[in-house]
């Protein structure tokens, strides 16, 4: 049993490192949209809108 434990630990370590490498590669492929792309310009906006919790406190 003591002969196989180091091999199992090494295999588990390799698998874990591979999973980390795969996750890093996938994260590097993510492209975040520009801020302008997040706003739907076609939505109507109320000019007289107030916050739902009331006006901001005076400074």
PDB file of N, CA and C in Angstrom:
ATOM      1  N   UNK A   1       0.816  -1.186   0.000  1.00  0.00           N
ATOM      2  CA  UNK A   1       0.000   0.000   0.000  1.00  0.00           C
ATOM      3  C   UNK A   1       0.862   1.253   0.000  1.00  0.00           C
ATOM      4  N   UNK A   2       1.931   1.256   0.707  1.00  0.00           N
ATOM      5  CA  UNK A   2       2.773   2.451   0.759  1.00  0.00           C
ATOM      6  C   UNK A   2       3.446   2.712  -0.584  1.00  0.00           C
ATOM      7  N   UNK A   3       3.622   1.663  -1.425  1.00  0.00           N
ATOM      8  CA  UNK A   3       4.224   1.865  -2.734  1.00  0.00           C
ATOM      9  C   UNK A   3       3.270   2.568  -3.693  1.00  0.00           C
ATOM     10  N   UNK A   4       1.973   2.339  -3.553  1.00  0.00           N
ATOM     11  CA  UNK A   4       1.002   2.911  -4.474  1.00  0.00           C
ATOM     12  C   UNK A   4       0.513   4.284  -4.044  1.00  0.00           C
ATOM     13  N   UNK A   5       0.581   4.614  -2.779  1.00  0.00           N
ATOM     14  CA  UNK A   5       0.065   5.889  -2.305  1.00  0.00           C
ATOM     15  C   UNK A   5       0.749   7.077  -2.978  1.00  0.00           C
ATOM     16  N   UNK A   6       2.081   7.093  -3.105  1.00  0.00           N
ATOM     17  CA  UNK A   6       2.704   8.231  -3.787  1.00  0.00           C
ATOM     18  C   UNK A   6       2.269   8.355  -5.243  1.00  0.00           C
ATOM     19  N   UNK A   7       2.080   7.223  -5.918  1.00  0.00           N
ATOM     20  CA  UNK A   7       1.647   7.261  -7.313  1.00  0.00           C
ATOM     21  C   UNK A   7       0.230   7.811  -7.422  1.00  0.00           C
ATOM     22  N   UNK A   8      -0.629   7.416  -6.515  1.00  0.00           N
ATOM     23  CA  UNK A   8      -1.997   7.916  -6.526  1.00  0.00           C
ATOM     24  C   UNK A   8      -2.019   9.409  -6.234  1.00  0.00           C
ATOM     25  N   UNK A   9      -1.174   9.838  -5.303  1.00  0.00           N
ATOM     26  CA  UNK A   9      -1.093  11.266  -4.988  1.00  0.00           C
ATOM     27  C   UNK A   9      -0.586  12.061  -6.184  1.00  0.00           C
ATOM     28  N   UNK A  10       0.399  11.520  -6.884  1.00  0.00           N
ATOM     29  CA  UNK A  10       0.943  12.193  -8.064  1.00  0.00           C
ATOM     30  C   UNK A  10      -0.103  12.285  -9.170  1.00  0.00           C
ATOM     31  N   UNK A  11      -0.860  11.214  -9.353  1.00  0.00           N
ATOM     32  CA  UNK A  11      -1.908  11.220 -10.379  1.00  0.00           C
ATOM     33  C   UNK A  11      -2.994  12.224 -10.031  1.00  0.00           C
ATOM     34  N   UNK A  12      -3.369  12.261  -8.784  1.00  0.00           N
ATOM     35  CA  UNK A  12      -4.390  13.214  -8.346  1.00  0.00           C
ATOM     36  C   UNK A  12      -3.881  14.643  -8.512  1.00  0.00           C
ATOM     37  N   UNK A  13      -2.632  14.866  -8.199  1.00  0.00           N
ATOM     38  CA  UNK A  13      -2.034  16.186  -8.360  1.00  0.00           C
ATOM     39  C   UNK A  13      -2.016  16.604  -9.824  1.00  0.00           C
ATOM     40  N   UNK A  14      -1.655  15.665 -10.713  1.00  0.00           N
ATOM     41  CA  UNK A  14      -1.652  15.970 -12.148  1.00  0.00           C
ATOM     42  C   UNK A  14      -3.057  16.302 -12.634  1.00  0.00           C
ATOM     43  N   UNK A  15      -4.047  15.521 -12.202  1.00  0.00           N
ATOM     44  CA  UNK A  15      -5.434  15.776 -12.607  1.00  0.00           C
ATOM     45  C   UNK A  15      -5.916  17.132 -12.097  1.00  0.00           C
ATOM     46  N   UNK A  16      -5.571  17.442 -10.871  1.00  0.00           N
ATOM     47  CA  UNK A  16      -5.970  18.724 -10.302  1.00  0.00           C
ATOM     48  C   UNK A  16      -5.325  19.875 -11.053  1.00  0.00           C
ATOM     49  N   UNK A  17      -4.041  19.743 -11.359  1.00  0.00           N
ATOM     50  CA  UNK A  17      -3.345  20.796 -12.090  1.00  0.00           C
ATOM     51  C   UNK A  17      -3.929  20.948 -13.487  1.00  0.00           C
ATOM     52  N   UNK A  18      -4.301  19.838 -14.122  1.00  0.00           N
ATOM     53  CA  UNK A  18      -4.912  19.904 -15.450  1.00  0.00           C
ATOM     54  C   UNK A  18      -6.254  20.628 -15.384  1.00  0.00           C
ATOM     55  N   UNK A  19      -7.041  20.352 -14.358  1.00  0.00           N
ATOM     56  CA  UNK A  19      -8.327  21.036 -14.197  1.00  0.00           C
ATOM     57  C   UNK A  19      -8.123  22.530 -13.993  1.00  0.00           C
ATOM     58  N   UNK A  20      -7.108  22.897 -13.228  1.00  0.00           N
ATOM     59  CA  UNK A  20      -6.801  24.321 -13.007  1.00  0.00           C
ATOM     60  C   UNK A  20      -6.373  24.967 -14.317  1.00  0.00           C
ATOM     61  N   UNK A  21      -5.519  24.302 -15.063  1.00  0.00           N
ATOM     62  CA  UNK A  21      -5.060  24.833 -16.353  1.00  0.00           C
ATOM     63  C   UNK A  21      -6.221  24.997 -17.327  1.00  0.00           C
ATOM     64  N   UNK A  22      -7.127  24.015 -17.349  1.00  0.00           N
ATOM     65  CA  UNK A  22      -8.298  24.095 -18.228  1.00  0.00           C
ATOM     66  C   UNK A  22      -9.189  25.268 -17.836  1.00  0.00           C
ATOM     67  N   UNK A  23      -9.379  25.468 -16.540  1.00  0.00           N
ATOM     68  CA  UNK A  23     -10.214  26.572 -16.074  1.00  0.00           C
ATOM     69  C   UNK A  23      -9.581  27.921 -16.423  1.00  0.00           C
ATOM     70  N   UNK A  24      -8.267  28.026 -16.282  1.00  0.00           N
ATOM     71  CA  UNK A  24      -7.582  29.270 -16.639  1.00  0.00           C
ATOM     72  C   UNK A  24      -7.704  29.542 -18.133  1.00  0.00           C
ATOM     73  N   UNK A  25      -7.575  28.516 -18.946  1.00  0.00           N
ATOM     74  CA  UNK A  25      -7.695  28.686 -20.390  1.00  0.00           C
ATOM     75  C   UNK A  25      -9.105  29.119 -20.771  1.00  0.00           C
ATOM     76  N   UNK A  26     -10.104  28.524 -20.125  1.00  0.00           N
ATOM     77  CA  UNK A  26     -11.486  28.899 -20.409  1.00  0.00           C
ATOM     78  C   UNK A  26     -11.754  30.335 -19.976  1.00  0.00           C
ATOM     79  N   UNK A  27     -11.202  30.747 -18.842  1.00  0.00           N
ATOM     80  CA  UNK A  27     -11.398  32.113 -18.362  1.00  0.00           C
ATOM     81  C   UNK A  27     -10.731  33.115 -19.292  1.00  0.00           C
ATOM     82  N   UNK A  28      -9.607  32.744 -19.877  1.00  0.00           N
ATOM     83  CA  UNK A  28      -8.909  33.644 -20.792  1.00  0.00           C
ATOM     84  C   UNK A  28      -9.699  33.838 -22.085  1.00  0.00           C
ATOM     85  N   UNK A  29     -10.549  32.883 -22.431  1.00  0.00           N
ATOM     86  CA  UNK A  29     -11.346  32.974 -23.653  1.00  0.00           C
ATOM     87  C   UNK A  29     -12.590  33.844 -23.491  1.00  0.00           C
ATOM     88  N   UNK A  30     -12.938  34.193 -22.262  1.00  0.00           N
ATOM     89  CA  UNK A  30     -14.147  34.984 -22.015  1.00  0.00           C
ATOM     90  C   UNK A  30     -13.913  36.409 -22.485  1.00  0.00           C
ATOM     91  N   UNK A  31     -14.855  36.919 -23.248  1.00  0.00           N
ATOM     92  CA  UNK A  31     -14.784  38.286 -23.739  1.00  0.00           C
ATOM     93  C   UNK A  31     -15.946  39.045 -23.128  1.00  0.00           C
ATOM     94  N   UNK A  32     -15.628  40.057 -22.347  1.00  0.00           N
ATOM     95  CA  UNK A  32     -16.678  40.853 -21.729  1.00  0.00           C
ATOM     96  C   UNK A  32     -17.111  41.953 -22.695  1.00  0.00           C
ATOM     97  N   UNK A  33     -18.408  42.223 -22.747  1.00  0.00           N
ATOM     98  CA  UNK A  33     -18.884  43.274 -23.652  1.00  0.00           C
ATOM     99  C   UNK A  33     -18.497  44.656 -23.129  1.00  0.00           C
ATOM    100  N   UNK A  34     -18.387  45.590 -24.056  1.00  0.00           N
ATOM    101  CA  UNK A  34     -18.145  46.971 -23.655  1.00  0.00           C
ATOM    102  C   UNK A  34     -19.358  47.489 -22.899  1.00  0.00           C
ATOM    103  N   UNK A  35     -19.153  48.513 -22.097  1.00  0.00           N
ATOM    104  CA  UNK A  35     -20.260  49.064 -21.299  1.00  0.00           C
ATOM    105  C   UNK A  35     -21.390  49.545 -22.195  1.00  0.00           C
ATOM    106  N   UNK A  36     -21.061  50.104 -23.349  1.00  0.00           N
ATOM    107  CA  UNK A  36     -22.085  50.601 -24.259  1.00  0.00           C
ATOM    108  C   UNK A  36     -22.960  49.483 -24.792  1.00  0.00           C
ATOM    109  N   UNK A  37     -22.422  48.288 -24.897  1.00  0.00           N
ATOM    110  CA  UNK A  37     -23.194  47.162 -25.404  1.00  0.00           C
ATOM    111  C   UNK A  37     -24.194  46.652 -24.374  1.00  0.00           C
ATOM    112  N   UNK A  38     -23.998  46.990 -23.107  1.00  0.00           N
ATOM    113  CA  UNK A  38     -24.886  46.508 -22.061  1.00  0.00           C
ATOM    114  C   UNK A  38     -26.162  47.325 -21.965  1.00  0.00           C
ATOM    115  N   UNK A  39     -26.160  48.549 -22.512  1.00  0.00           N
ATOM    116  CA  UNK A  39     -27.312  49.433 -22.423  1.00  0.00           C
ATOM    117  C   UNK A  39     -28.155  49.262 -23.673  1.00  0.00           C
ATOM    118  N   UNK A  40     -29.434  48.950 -23.472  1.00  0.00           N
ATOM    119  CA  UNK A  40     -30.350  48.843 -24.600  1.00  0.00           C
ATOM    120  C   UNK A  40     -30.854  50.244 -24.919  1.00  0.00           C
ATOM    121  N   UNK A  41     -30.360  50.820 -25.978  1.00  0.00           N
ATOM    122  CA  UNK A  41     -30.697  52.196 -26.327  1.00  0.00           C
ATOM    123  C   UNK A  41     -32.161  52.348 -26.722  1.00  0.00           C
ATOM    124  N   UNK A  42     -32.841  51.261 -27.021  1.00  0.00           N
ATOM    125  CA  UNK A  42     -34.224  51.352 -27.448  1.00  0.00           C
ATOM    126  C   UNK A  42     -35.220  51.413 -26.303  1.00  0.00           C
ATOM    127  N   UNK A  43     -34.778  51.287 -25.070  1.00  0.00           N
ATOM    128  CA  UNK A  43     -35.696  51.317 -23.937  1.00  0.00           C
ATOM    129  C   UNK A  43     -36.126  52.731 -23.612  1.00  0.00           C
ATOM    130  N   UNK A  44     -37.417  52.913 -23.316  1.00  0.00           N
ATOM    131  CA  UNK A  44     -37.875  54.258 -22.934  1.00  0.00           C
ATOM    132  C   UNK A  44     -37.349  54.617 -21.544  1.00  0.00           C
ATOM    133  N   UNK A  45     -37.040  55.887 -21.359  1.00  0.00           N
ATOM    134  CA  UNK A  45     -36.529  56.368 -20.087  1.00  0.00           C
ATOM    135  C   UNK A  45     -37.410  57.502 -19.613  1.00  0.00           C
ATOM    136  N   UNK A  46     -37.858  57.417 -18.371  1.00  0.00           N
ATOM    137  CA  UNK A  46     -38.679  58.485 -17.813  1.00  0.00           C
ATOM    138  C   UNK A  46     -37.777  59.635 -17.394  1.00  0.00           C
ATOM    139  N   UNK A  47     -38.127  60.852 -17.854  1.00  0.00           N
ATOM    140  CA  UNK A  47     -37.312  62.016 -17.507  1.00  0.00           C
ATOM    141  C   UNK A  47     -37.497  62.441 -16.059  1.00  0.00           C
ATOM    142  N   UNK A  48     -38.658  62.138 -15.485  1.00  0.00           N
ATOM    143  CA  UNK A  48     -38.949  62.596 -14.129  1.00  0.00           C
ATOM    144  C   UNK A  48     -38.853  61.449 -13.110  1.00  0.00           C
ATOM    145  N   UNK A  49     -38.060  60.437 -13.419  1.00  0.00           N
ATOM    146  CA  UNK A  49     -37.953  59.291 -12.535  1.00  0.00           C
ATOM    147  C   UNK A  49     -37.191  59.662 -11.260  1.00  0.00           C
ATOM    148  N   UNK A  50     -37.697  59.149 -10.122  1.00  0.00           N
ATOM    149  CA  UNK A  50     -37.038  59.351  -8.842  1.00  0.00           C
ATOM    150  C   UNK A  50     -36.674  57.990  -8.289  1.00  0.00           C
ATOM    151  N   UNK A  51     -35.674  57.926  -7.421  1.00  0.00           N
ATOM    152  CA  UNK A  51     -35.338  56.636  -6.815  1.00  0.00           C
ATOM    153  C   UNK A  51     -36.532  56.092  -6.047  1.00  0.00           C
ATOM    154  N   UNK A  52     -36.665  54.784  -6.032  1.00  0.00           N
ATOM    155  CA  UNK A  52     -37.823  54.183  -5.377  1.00  0.00           C
ATOM    156  C   UNK A  52     -37.780  54.345  -3.848  1.00  0.00           C
ATOM    157  N   UNK A  53     -36.610  54.633  -3.290  1.00  0.00           N
ATOM    158  CA  UNK A  53     -36.527  54.798  -1.850  1.00  0.00           C
ATOM    159  C   UNK A  53     -36.494  56.264  -1.434  1.00  0.00           C
ATOM    160  N   UNK A  54     -36.849  57.163  -2.338  1.00  0.00           N
ATOM    161  CA  UNK A  54     -36.918  58.582  -2.012  1.00  0.00           C
ATOM    162  C   UNK A  54     -35.676  59.324  -2.450  1.00  0.00           C
ATOM    163  N   UNK A  55     -35.666  60.615  -2.176  1.00  0.00           N
ATOM    164  CA  UNK A  55     -34.513  61.415  -2.594  1.00  0.00           C
ATOM    165  C   UNK A  55     -33.277  61.107  -1.763  1.00  0.00           C
ATOM    166  N   UNK A  56     -32.136  61.445  -2.312  1.00  0.00           N
ATOM    167  CA  UNK A  56     -30.882  61.216  -1.612  1.00  0.00           C
ATOM    168  C   UNK A  56     -30.766  62.190  -0.440  1.00  0.00           C
ATOM    169  N   UNK A  57     -30.150  61.775   0.653  1.00  0.00           N
ATOM    170  CA  UNK A  57     -29.989  62.690   1.785  1.00  0.00           C
ATOM    171  C   UNK A  57     -29.071  63.861   1.441  1.00  0.00           C
ATOM    172  N   UNK A  58     -29.296  64.981   2.077  1.00  0.00           N
ATOM    173  CA  UNK A  58     -28.476  66.151   1.839  1.00  0.00           C
ATOM    174  C   UNK A  58     -27.058  65.920   2.363  1.00  0.00           C
ATOM    175  N   UNK A  59     -26.104  66.419   1.638  1.00  0.00           N
ATOM    176  CA  UNK A  59     -24.699  66.202   2.047  1.00  0.00           C
ATOM    177  C   UNK A  59     -24.266  67.159   3.121  1.00  0.00           C
TER     178      UNK A  59
END
